[in-house]
Protein backbone atom coordinates (compact mmCIF):
# COMPACT_ATOMS: atom_id res chain seq x y z
CA MET A 1 49.82 59.01 108.32
CA LYS A 2 52.04 59.47 111.30
CA PHE A 3 55.14 58.66 109.25
CA ALA A 4 54.00 61.06 106.49
CA VAL A 5 53.77 63.98 108.93
CA ALA A 6 57.20 63.13 110.38
CA PHE A 7 58.77 62.93 106.95
CA PHE A 8 57.20 66.33 106.05
CA GLU A 9 58.72 68.00 109.11
CA ILE A 10 62.21 66.60 108.43
CA LEU A 11 62.13 68.16 104.95
CA CYS A 12 61.09 71.50 106.51
CA LEU A 13 64.30 71.38 108.61
CA ALA A 14 66.41 70.73 105.57
CA PHE A 15 66.66 74.54 104.84
CA VAL A 16 68.57 75.26 108.01
CA CYS A 17 72.36 75.62 108.12
CA SER A 18 74.54 75.50 111.31
CA ASP A 19 76.08 79.05 110.57
CA GLY A 20 73.89 81.86 112.07
CA LEU A 21 70.78 79.66 112.77
CA ALA A 22 68.91 78.74 116.01
CA VAL A 23 66.12 76.25 116.41
CA VAL A 24 63.58 76.09 119.11
CA ALA A 25 62.41 72.61 120.12
CA LYS A 26 60.05 73.87 122.78
CA PRO A 27 56.21 73.38 122.39
CA ARG A 28 54.14 76.44 122.10
CA THR A 29 52.51 77.90 125.20
CA SER A 30 50.79 80.90 123.66
CA MET A 31 50.46 82.82 120.36
CA MET A 32 52.35 86.11 119.63
CA GLN A 33 51.20 89.01 117.63
CA LYS A 34 52.85 89.75 114.33
CA THR A 35 56.04 91.76 114.45
CA SER A 36 58.01 93.67 111.88
CA SER A 37 60.56 90.87 111.51
CA HIS A 38 58.02 88.75 109.66
CA LYS A 39 57.41 91.20 106.93
CA ALA A 40 60.34 90.26 104.69
CA ILE A 41 59.71 86.52 105.05
CA PRO A 42 56.44 85.52 103.30
CA GLU A 43 57.85 85.96 99.76
CA LEU A 44 60.38 83.23 100.57
CA TRP A 45 57.90 80.48 101.22
CA PRO A 46 56.25 79.81 97.76
CA SER A 47 59.60 79.76 95.89
CA ALA A 48 62.12 78.58 98.49
CA LEU A 49 60.27 76.22 100.64
CA VAL A 50 57.15 74.76 98.95
CA PRO A 51 58.86 73.23 95.81
CA HIS A 52 61.11 71.11 98.09
CA LEU A 53 58.28 69.42 100.07
CA PRO A 54 57.84 65.94 98.62
CA HIS A 55 55.03 63.54 99.30
CA GLN A 56 52.41 66.19 99.98
CA THR A 57 51.56 69.73 98.92
CA ALA A 58 50.48 72.26 101.58
CA SER A 59 47.36 74.19 100.99
CA THR A 60 47.22 78.03 101.04
CA ASP A 61 45.66 77.99 104.52
CA GLU A 62 48.40 75.73 105.79
CA LEU A 63 51.11 78.06 104.52
CA GLU A 64 49.36 81.07 106.07
CA ARG A 65 49.26 79.21 109.33
CA ARG A 66 53.01 78.47 109.23
CA ARG A 67 53.80 82.11 108.50
CA GLU A 68 52.17 83.20 111.83
CA PRO A 69 54.56 84.58 114.39
CA LEU A 70 55.45 81.98 117.11
CA LEU A 71 56.52 82.20 120.67
CA HIS A 72 60.30 82.55 121.42
CA GLY A 73 61.82 79.46 122.90
CA LYS A 74 65.27 78.18 123.95
CA ALA A 75 67.70 78.51 121.02
CA VAL A 76 69.94 75.50 120.20
CA THR A 77 72.74 75.04 117.68
CA TYR A 78 72.36 73.27 114.36
CA SER A 79 74.08 70.04 115.63
CA GLU A 80 71.92 69.99 118.81
CA MET A 81 68.86 70.31 116.68
CA VAL A 82 69.82 67.34 114.61
CA ASP A 83 70.61 65.24 117.67
CA VAL A 84 67.36 66.05 119.40
CA LEU A 85 65.10 65.39 116.42
CA SER A 86 66.95 62.32 115.23
CA GLN A 87 66.18 60.48 118.51
CA ASP A 88 62.59 60.14 117.60
CA LEU A 89 62.63 60.58 113.84
CA VAL A 90 65.33 59.60 111.24
CA GLN A 91 68.90 60.55 110.68
CA LEU A 92 69.20 63.80 108.73
CA ASP A 93 71.31 64.28 105.57
CA ASP A 94 73.70 67.07 106.33
CA VAL A 95 74.73 67.47 102.68
CA GLN A 96 71.14 67.89 101.69
CA LEU A 97 70.57 70.57 104.35
CA LYS A 98 73.54 72.65 103.19
CA ALA A 99 72.37 72.38 99.57
CA ARG A 100 68.95 73.57 100.43
CA TRP A 101 70.36 76.43 102.48
CA GLN A 102 72.53 77.71 99.52
CA HIS A 103 69.45 77.64 97.35
CA LEU A 104 67.56 79.68 99.97
CA GLU A 105 70.30 82.33 99.95
CA LYS A 106 70.00 82.82 96.22
CA VAL A 107 66.22 83.23 96.46
CA ASP A 108 66.52 85.81 99.24
CA GLY A 109 66.97 89.25 97.57
CA ASP A 110 66.92 91.45 100.67
CA GLY A 111 70.41 90.61 101.90
CA VAL A 112 69.09 88.90 105.01
CA LYS A 113 71.81 86.20 105.37
CA ARG A 114 70.89 84.98 108.83
CA LEU A 115 67.57 83.25 109.46
CA ARG A 116 66.00 81.91 112.69
CA LEU A 117 64.00 78.78 112.96
CA ARG A 118 61.28 78.81 115.55
CA ALA A 119 58.82 76.07 116.62
CA ARG A 120 55.42 75.93 118.28
CA LYS A 121 53.34 73.25 119.77
CA PRO A 122 51.24 71.65 117.12
CA ARG A 123 47.56 72.29 116.71
CA LYS A 124 45.28 69.91 114.74
CA PRO A 125 46.20 70.05 111.08
CA ARG A 126 43.50 71.10 108.68
CA MET A 127 44.45 68.43 106.08
CA LEU A 128 44.49 65.61 108.53
CA ASN A 129 41.53 64.09 110.50
CA LYS A 130 43.66 63.29 113.54
CA ALA A 131 46.92 64.67 114.90
CA PRO A 132 49.71 62.26 115.40
CA ALA A 133 50.16 61.08 118.98
CA ALA A 134 53.42 59.02 118.91
CA HIS A 135 55.73 61.84 118.10
CA PRO A 136 55.65 65.68 118.77
CA SER A 137 54.92 67.73 115.65
CA PHE A 138 56.86 70.97 114.90
CA ASN A 139 55.79 73.71 112.60
CA PHE A 140 58.53 76.20 111.58
CA VAL A 141 58.52 79.78 110.57
CA LEU A 142 61.57 81.68 109.30
CA HIS A 143 62.37 85.05 111.00
CA SER A 144 64.82 87.86 110.14
CA THR A 145 67.48 88.69 112.73
CA LYS A 146 68.33 91.93 111.12
CA VAL A 147 68.85 94.64 113.82
CA ASP A 148 66.93 97.90 113.59
CA GLN A 149 69.04 100.92 113.15
CA HIS A 150 67.37 102.84 116.05
CA LEU A 151 68.84 100.21 118.44
CA VAL A 152 72.42 100.53 117.40
CA ARG A 153 74.35 103.78 117.77
CA PRO A 154 75.92 105.38 114.69
CA SER A 155 79.57 104.75 115.60
CA ALA A 156 79.17 101.29 117.05
CA GLY A 157 82.52 99.57 116.71
CA LYS A 158 84.26 102.73 115.60
CA GLY A 159 84.50 104.73 118.85
CA ALA A 160 82.33 106.98 121.01
CA ASP A 161 79.50 109.06 119.62
CA VAL A 162 79.70 112.82 120.37
CA VAL A 163 76.46 114.55 121.49
CA ASN A 164 76.55 118.32 121.73
CA TYR A 165 74.13 119.60 124.34
CA GLY A 166 72.63 122.89 125.57
CA LEU A 167 70.62 123.71 128.66
CA MET A 168 68.42 126.78 129.14
CA VAL A 169 66.62 128.01 132.29
CA MET A 170 63.51 129.79 131.19
CA ASN A 171 61.93 130.29 134.60
CA PHE A 172 62.80 129.79 138.25
CA TYR A 173 60.02 128.73 140.67
CA GLY A 174 61.94 128.96 143.90
CA ALA A 175 64.07 126.88 146.15
CA THR A 176 62.84 124.71 149.06
CA LEU A 177 65.77 124.66 151.55
CA LYS A 178 64.15 122.16 153.85
CA LYS A 179 63.78 119.55 151.12
CA HIS A 180 67.04 120.56 149.25
CA THR A 181 65.24 121.14 145.90
CA PHE A 182 64.49 123.88 143.46
CA SER A 183 62.09 123.95 140.55
CA VAL A 184 62.78 125.31 137.01
CA ASP A 185 61.27 125.59 133.58
CA MET A 186 64.05 124.27 131.39
CA VAL A 187 64.85 123.45 127.74
CA MET A 188 67.30 120.70 126.82
CA SER A 189 68.76 120.53 123.27
CA LEU A 190 70.82 117.66 121.95
CA LYS A 191 72.60 117.44 118.59
CA TRP A 192 74.45 114.45 117.02
CA LYS A 193 75.53 112.91 113.77
CA ASP A 194 73.74 109.89 112.31
CA PRO A 195 74.08 109.40 108.44
CA ARG A 196 71.47 106.68 108.50
CA VAL A 197 68.55 109.25 108.96
CA ILE A 198 69.17 110.98 105.62
CA ASP A 199 66.52 108.76 103.97
CA PHE A 200 63.89 110.22 106.38
CA VAL A 201 64.19 113.63 104.75
CA PRO A 202 61.85 113.97 101.72
CA ALA A 203 63.21 115.04 98.49
CA GLY A 204 63.53 118.77 97.97
CA LEU A 205 63.74 119.46 101.75
CA ASP A 206 66.82 120.24 103.87
CA LYS A 207 65.25 119.01 107.08
CA VAL A 208 62.01 117.48 108.50
CA THR A 209 60.63 117.68 112.06
CA VAL A 210 58.92 114.67 113.53
CA ALA A 211 57.06 114.07 116.80
CA TRP A 212 58.89 112.56 119.71
CA ASN A 213 56.96 109.29 119.74
CA GLN A 214 57.55 108.76 116.00
CA ALA A 215 61.27 109.42 116.35
CA LEU A 216 61.70 106.83 119.08
CA GLU A 217 60.51 104.06 116.73
CA HIS A 218 62.81 104.92 113.82
CA ILE A 219 65.76 107.08 114.97
CA TRP A 220 68.59 106.20 117.40
CA MET A 221 68.46 108.20 120.67
CA PRO A 222 71.38 108.74 123.05
CA GLY A 223 69.16 108.41 126.12
CA ILE A 224 70.11 111.66 127.77
CA VAL A 225 68.29 112.38 131.15
CA VAL A 226 68.56 114.90 134.03
CA THR A 227 70.43 112.80 136.60
CA ASN A 228 69.88 115.04 139.67
CA ARG A 229 66.13 115.38 139.22
CA GLU A 230 63.77 114.36 142.02
CA ILE A 231 62.10 110.93 141.34
CA LYS A 232 59.10 111.38 139.09
CA LYS A 233 59.39 115.19 139.05
CA TYR A 234 60.37 115.68 135.40
CA GLU A 235 57.41 116.46 133.15
CA ILE A 236 58.04 117.00 129.48
CA VAL A 237 55.82 119.80 128.17
CA SER A 238 56.78 119.54 124.47
CA ALA A 239 59.46 117.54 122.52
CA SER A 240 60.41 117.22 118.88
CA VAL A 241 63.23 115.84 116.72
CA THR A 242 64.54 117.57 113.59
CA VAL A 243 66.43 115.51 110.98
CA PHE A 244 68.75 117.36 108.61
CA ARG A 245 69.82 116.13 105.18
CA SER A 246 73.45 116.59 106.35
CA GLY A 247 72.97 113.61 108.65
CA SER A 248 72.56 115.70 111.91
CA VAL A 249 69.70 115.08 114.35
CA LEU A 250 68.43 117.76 116.76
CA ARG A 251 66.27 116.86 119.71
CA VAL A 252 64.65 119.69 121.69
CA GLU A 253 62.41 119.23 124.75
CA ARG A 254 60.88 121.63 127.19
CA ALA A 255 60.13 120.31 130.71
CA GLN A 256 59.13 121.25 134.25
CA ALA A 257 61.67 119.75 136.55
CA ARG A 258 62.34 119.70 140.35
CA ILE A 259 66.09 119.36 140.84
CA MET A 260 67.84 118.01 143.89
CA GLN A 261 70.54 120.30 145.30
CA LYS A 262 72.45 120.19 148.49
CA TYR A 263 72.52 123.76 149.78
CA LYS A 264 75.37 125.37 151.62
CA LEU A 265 73.58 127.21 154.47
CA LYS A 266 76.50 128.19 156.61
CA GLU A 267 76.15 131.84 155.62
CA TYR A 268 72.34 132.01 155.55
CA PRO A 269 70.62 134.50 155.00
CA PHE A 270 73.65 136.09 153.26
CA ASP A 271 74.35 132.80 151.29
CA THR A 272 75.35 132.41 147.68
CA GLN A 273 74.28 129.16 146.03
CA LYS A 274 75.63 127.40 142.97
CA LEU A 275 72.66 125.61 141.49
CA GLN A 276 73.31 122.76 139.05
CA ILE A 277 71.40 120.88 136.37
CA LYS A 278 73.28 117.66 135.57
CA ILE A 279 72.71 115.33 132.52
CA ALA A 280 74.11 112.05 131.35
CA SER A 281 73.14 109.10 129.19
CA SER A 282 70.99 106.52 131.02
CA LYS A 283 72.43 103.60 129.01
CA TYR A 284 75.85 104.47 127.44
CA MET A 285 79.16 104.50 129.19
CA LEU A 286 82.21 106.80 128.66
CA ASN A 287 83.69 104.69 125.83
CA GLU A 288 80.38 104.75 123.91
CA LEU A 289 79.10 108.32 124.30
CA LYS A 290 80.69 111.69 125.04
CA LEU A 291 78.86 114.91 125.92
CA VAL A 292 80.25 118.27 124.76
CA ALA A 293 78.81 121.53 125.94
CA GLU A 294 77.58 123.91 123.30
CA LYS A 295 77.44 127.35 124.80
CA ASP A 296 75.44 128.84 121.92
CA MET A 297 72.60 126.38 122.88
CA SER A 298 72.78 127.35 126.52
CA ASP A 299 71.36 130.27 128.46
CA VAL A 300 69.87 131.37 131.79
CA LYS A 301 67.26 134.22 132.00
CA GLU A 302 68.27 136.90 134.38
CA ASN A 303 65.02 138.40 135.85
CA VAL A 304 63.29 135.23 136.84
CA PHE A 305 64.89 134.30 140.19
CA GLY A 306 62.65 136.32 142.59
CA LEU A 307 64.43 136.35 146.01
CA TYR A 308 67.75 135.63 144.34
CA ASP A 309 70.06 137.69 142.14
CA LEU A 310 71.82 135.92 139.25
CA LYS A 311 75.65 136.29 139.46
CA GLY A 312 76.67 134.19 136.45
CA TRP A 313 76.33 130.82 134.71
CA GLU A 314 78.49 128.27 132.89
CA ALA A 315 77.87 125.12 130.92
CA HIS A 316 80.64 122.50 130.92
CA ASN A 317 81.21 118.70 130.60
CA TYR A 318 83.23 116.37 132.82
CA THR A 319 83.69 112.65 133.34
CA THR A 320 83.13 110.48 136.43
CA SER A 321 84.55 107.05 137.30
CA ASP A 322 82.87 105.08 140.07
CA GLY A 323 84.15 101.58 139.61
CA HIS A 324 82.67 100.17 136.48
CA LEU A 325 80.36 103.07 136.17
CA LYS A 326 82.25 105.46 133.89
CA LYS A 327 80.22 108.24 132.38
CA SER A 328 80.47 111.47 130.43
CA ARG A 329 78.33 114.05 132.11
CA GLY A 330 77.18 117.68 131.36
CA VAL A 331 76.20 120.38 133.79
CA LEU A 332 74.78 123.84 133.74
CA ASP A 333 75.99 125.87 136.72
CA PHE A 334 74.32 129.16 137.63
CA THR A 335 75.30 131.10 140.72
CA VAL A 336 72.68 133.09 142.58
CA LYS A 337 72.89 135.32 145.69
CA ARG A 338 69.96 135.65 148.18
CA ASN A 339 68.35 139.10 148.25
CA ILE A 340 68.40 140.35 151.82
CA GLU A 341 65.41 142.61 151.42
CA LYS A 342 62.83 139.92 152.24
CA TYR A 343 64.77 138.89 155.32
CA ARG A 344 65.11 142.47 156.42
CA GLN A 345 61.34 142.99 156.33
CA ASP A 346 60.27 139.74 157.85
CA HIS A 347 62.82 139.37 160.55
CA LEU A 348 65.33 142.14 161.05
CA ALA A 349 62.84 144.97 161.38
CA PRO A 350 60.49 143.18 163.80
CA SER A 351 63.49 142.10 165.88
CA PHE A 352 64.77 145.71 166.18
CA ILE A 353 61.30 146.88 167.25
CA VAL A 354 60.92 144.15 169.93
CA LEU A 355 64.45 144.85 171.28
CA ALA A 356 63.84 148.57 171.49
CA ILE A 357 60.56 147.88 173.40
CA SER A 358 62.39 145.62 175.86
CA TRP A 359 64.67 148.52 176.64
CA GLY A 360 61.73 150.67 177.48
CA VAL A 361 61.43 149.15 180.99
CA PHE A 362 64.24 151.42 182.10
CA TYR A 363 62.05 154.55 181.57
CA PHE A 364 59.25 153.28 183.81
CA PRO A 365 59.15 155.07 187.36
CA PHE A 366 60.09 153.24 190.55
CA VAL A 367 56.69 153.05 192.17
CA ASN A 368 54.71 150.05 193.23
CA GLN A 369 52.11 150.44 190.49
CA PHE A 370 54.80 149.80 187.85
CA ILE A 371 56.58 146.72 189.25
CA VAL A 372 54.32 144.30 187.36
CA ALA A 373 54.43 146.46 184.20
CA ARG A 374 58.20 146.55 184.11
CA LEU A 375 58.66 142.77 184.64
CA ALA A 376 55.80 141.86 182.23
CA LEU A 377 57.12 144.02 179.47
CA SER A 378 60.67 142.57 179.57
CA ILE A 379 59.39 139.03 179.70
CA LEU A 380 56.79 139.47 176.98
CA THR A 381 59.26 140.94 174.58
CA LEU A 382 61.51 137.87 175.11
CA LEU A 383 58.62 135.56 174.30
CA THR A 384 57.61 137.55 171.24
CA PHE A 385 61.16 137.41 169.85
CA THR A 386 61.30 133.64 170.53
CA ASN A 387 58.34 133.33 168.18
CA LEU A 388 60.19 135.39 165.62
CA MET A 389 63.19 133.12 165.89
CA GLY A 390 61.09 130.09 165.04
CA LYS A 391 59.67 131.77 161.93
CA SER A 392 63.11 132.75 160.67
CA SER A 393 64.36 129.21 161.00
CA LYS A 394 61.39 127.29 159.74
CA GLU A 395 62.67 127.30 156.09
CA LEU A 396 65.89 125.55 157.05
CA PRO A 397 66.31 121.75 157.31
CA GLY A 398 66.73 120.25 160.78
CA ALA A 399 70.39 119.41 160.04
CA ALA A 400 71.29 122.91 158.91
CA PRO A 401 74.68 124.21 160.20
CA PHE A 402 75.08 127.10 162.56
CA ASN A 403 74.79 130.28 160.49
CA PHE A 404 74.47 134.06 160.69
CA ASN A 405 70.77 133.89 161.37
CA ASP A 406 71.43 131.68 164.39
CA LEU A 407 74.12 134.01 165.66
CA PHE A 408 71.91 137.09 165.25
CA ASN A 409 69.04 135.40 167.11
CA GLN A 410 71.29 134.30 169.98
CA GLN A 411 72.74 137.77 170.55
CA ILE A 412 69.33 139.36 170.52
CA GLN A 413 68.08 136.83 173.11
CA THR A 414 71.18 137.53 175.19
CA LEU A 415 70.57 141.28 175.17
CA MET A 416 66.87 140.70 176.17
CA PHE A 417 68.07 138.43 179.03
CA LEU A 418 70.46 141.05 180.30
CA THR A 419 67.59 143.58 180.13
CA ILE A 420 65.51 141.31 182.41
CA VAL A 421 68.47 140.82 184.79
CA LEU A 422 69.05 144.59 185.12
CA ASN A 423 65.47 145.30 185.60
CA ILE A 424 65.08 142.69 188.38
CA SER A 425 68.32 143.92 190.04
CA SER A 426 67.09 147.46 190.20
CA GLU A 427 63.73 146.45 191.56
CA ILE A 428 65.32 144.34 194.19
CA SER A 429 67.68 147.14 195.21
CA PHE A 430 64.85 149.66 195.45
CA HIS A 431 62.08 147.65 197.15
CA GLN A 432 63.87 145.05 199.11
CA PHE A 433 67.25 146.49 199.98
CA LYS A 434 65.84 150.02 200.15
CA ASP A 435 68.90 151.26 198.38
CA GLU A 436 67.33 153.88 196.17
CA VAL A 437 70.73 155.23 195.01
CA LEU A 438 71.92 151.87 193.68
CA ALA A 439 68.59 151.11 192.03
CA ARG A 440 68.50 154.30 190.16
CA TYR A 441 72.10 153.89 189.05
CA ILE A 442 71.43 150.41 187.65
CA ASN A 443 68.24 151.57 185.97
CA ASN A 444 69.87 154.63 184.37
CA SER A 445 72.99 152.83 183.25
CA GLY A 446 70.81 150.24 181.61
CA LYS A 447 69.57 153.00 179.29
CA VAL A 448 73.06 153.42 177.90
CA VAL A 449 75.02 150.23 178.39
CA LEU A 450 72.63 147.68 176.85
CA PRO A 451 71.80 149.63 173.67
CA SER A 452 75.54 150.31 173.14
CA ILE A 453 76.40 146.60 173.46
CA GLY A 454 73.41 145.62 171.25
CA LEU A 455 74.14 148.09 168.37
CA ALA A 456 77.83 147.09 168.36
CA ASN A 457 76.84 143.42 168.05
CA ILE A 458 74.17 143.92 165.43
CA ILE A 459 76.44 145.96 163.21
CA MET A 460 79.29 143.55 163.49
CA ILE A 461 77.10 140.59 162.64
CA LEU A 462 75.12 142.01 159.82
CA GLY A 463 78.23 143.69 158.28
CA SER A 464 80.24 140.48 158.38
CA GLY A 465 77.43 138.54 156.81
CA GLN A 466 76.58 140.91 154.00
CA ASN A 467 79.89 142.57 153.31
CA LYS A 468 82.23 139.70 154.32
CA TRP A 469 84.07 141.65 156.92
CA LEU A 470 84.79 138.59 159.07
CA SER A 471 84.08 134.94 158.78
CA LEU A 472 81.23 133.32 160.69
CA GLU A 473 83.59 131.61 163.18
CA THR A 474 85.48 134.91 163.86
CA VAL A 475 82.49 137.06 164.33
CA THR A 476 80.81 134.52 166.53
CA ILE A 477 83.77 134.65 168.90
CA LEU A 478 84.03 138.41 168.95
CA ALA A 479 80.23 138.89 169.48
CA LYS A 480 80.01 136.51 172.46
CA VAL A 481 83.23 137.56 174.01
CA SER A 482 82.31 141.26 173.71
CA VAL A 483 78.89 140.77 175.46
CA ALA A 484 80.47 138.63 178.14
CA ALA A 485 83.31 141.10 178.75
CA ALA A 486 80.95 144.07 178.91
CA THR A 487 78.69 142.28 181.33
CA VAL A 488 81.51 141.30 183.60
CA CYS A 489 83.07 144.75 183.57
CA TYR A 490 79.75 146.47 184.32
CA SER A 491 78.92 143.99 187.09
CA ALA A 492 82.35 144.43 188.63
CA TYR A 493 81.99 148.19 188.59
CA VAL A 494 78.55 148.08 190.23
CA LEU A 495 79.69 145.67 192.86
CA HIS A 496 82.73 147.77 193.57
CA GLY A 497 80.54 150.75 194.06
CA VAL A 498 78.25 148.90 196.42
CA TYR A 499 81.13 147.58 198.47
CA HIS A 500 82.61 151.14 198.57
CA ASN A 501 79.42 152.76 199.69
CA ARG A 502 78.45 150.20 202.28
CA PHE A 503 81.71 149.17 203.85
CA LYS A 504 83.99 152.14 203.30
CA GLY A 505 81.75 154.85 204.48
CA LYS A 506 80.98 156.35 201.00
CA SER A 507 84.50 157.89 200.82
CA ASP A 508 84.14 158.32 197.12
CA GLY A 509 80.39 158.72 196.74
CA SER A 510 80.67 158.23 193.00
CA ILE A 511 77.69 155.93 192.54
CA GLU A 512 75.57 158.01 194.92
CA THR A 513 76.53 161.23 193.26
CA LEU A 514 75.94 159.91 189.84
CA ALA A 515 72.64 158.36 190.68
CA ALA A 516 71.52 161.52 192.42
CA VAL A 517 72.35 163.76 189.44
CA GLU A 518 70.96 161.40 186.79
CA GLY A 519 67.90 160.52 188.73
CA GLN A 520 66.82 163.90 190.01
CA GLU A 521 64.14 164.43 187.47
CA GLU A 522 63.01 160.86 187.64
CA ALA A 523 62.71 161.08 191.47
CA ASP A 524 60.47 164.06 191.09
CA ALA A 525 58.31 162.24 188.61
CA ASP A 526 58.10 159.37 191.02
CA ALA A 527 57.11 161.65 193.84
CA ASP A 528 54.35 163.16 191.78
CA ALA A 529 53.10 159.78 190.76
CA GLY A 530 53.16 158.68 194.33
CA ASP A 531 51.22 161.82 195.53
CA GLY A 532 48.79 161.21 192.80
CA GLY A 533 48.34 157.60 193.84
CA ASP A 534 47.90 158.64 197.52
CA ALA A 535 45.34 161.21 196.54
CA ASP A 536 43.47 158.64 194.62
CA CYS A 537 43.46 156.37 197.56
CA ASP A 538 42.16 159.10 199.94
CA MET A 539 39.38 159.84 197.61
């Protein structure tokens, strides 16, 4: 019985030719489910294989068992197969194998010229009482190696396939500057030629639309993806594939996407950003697939950007070469400019109010009851503005460059600091040095000097940012130098007057005279306040 089984297996191998065949001499480890490659084979067995099996005739159950799909193993050449099996069995007749192969080609009517021979570990035969133990037994099933058309691109071997694309931005959900992302509702359209899909169009129709999942199984896809999307942040809402009788294929999908974008924040909050949606094939290189922008299929809605104003858009394609990674890429550029209205309401207006309140300390009278009030007001306004600074910068990433917002905040802080310095100087002159003339001069000059310096700086900074009068570097230098120069000149003038009055015998009397004229009304108010305070104390 052992020799009968071995002889039967040798005859099964006689239908295999060395050209285009592979044999697996590996015992089976597990069963596979049936695949589409087995469907064209069963008709070959009764006519091509069974009549050439001498000594025993296989039953119907045995034939069905051999038709079952087997596990893939290691492929070997025809000569290697003969050498391996002849070690334990008998020498094969090569002439007989080729003759049987030619007969099998004539029987096959589907044009499948290449067949694959696969083996599995034997199980107990149904026609035998006991499986052979001396030699391993091999059961063989023929498989088609014909490649499905959805795995091979239409122009394989002839050049690169051309895919026309279009990108549309239907809605804009805002930009997250700190994470360098923005979110959009987008539509991606792809169109290419594939004559092999004409058979999918029913007779009498010019086109047919199929679902995305069905198209993936039967139609070749170029594998176009959004390359600058955030990982796992591309959600397809709907997708379809339309096949035309002309051989064109149109794929349309709508998706919610979060796109990675490196923002240019040097001119924030007067910045203009060029947002980009980039696409490329995830599997084909430049010599296999080329993207071409189709402007009729691209668009960007204008009134969907919220805090931004759309300035223009453009769809174009380009190529990149990074070593062996050579790709054809497509991109949709749309330029947006930040609307300053939100920044004006949230930061500029509160900053002006706090700055004006800080200057109010110069209008308090020089009496003991207002010493704490003057100092507290100037310090509290500085702390309040510090809180506003944090809010204005919280949207920016930690590595954001120096920008117009930072320059504006620094200059406002500097002006508030100068307000505190002048306020303390006037108080020291009045209460410690007992120099009422100098104290009133510093106080009254603070009402004019600081607002003048502040307004000049604010106009220069905001105008340069919004209207591009000066670059950020230039306006930064001018703003800081102007404040420093004004402070030095004012301090020099005051010190010169103090020196003149104290050590030159008041020969000029300019500071004293100016302070006396400007502070006459204030002095009267202080006297009234002092009398009122004394009266209250007497009571």
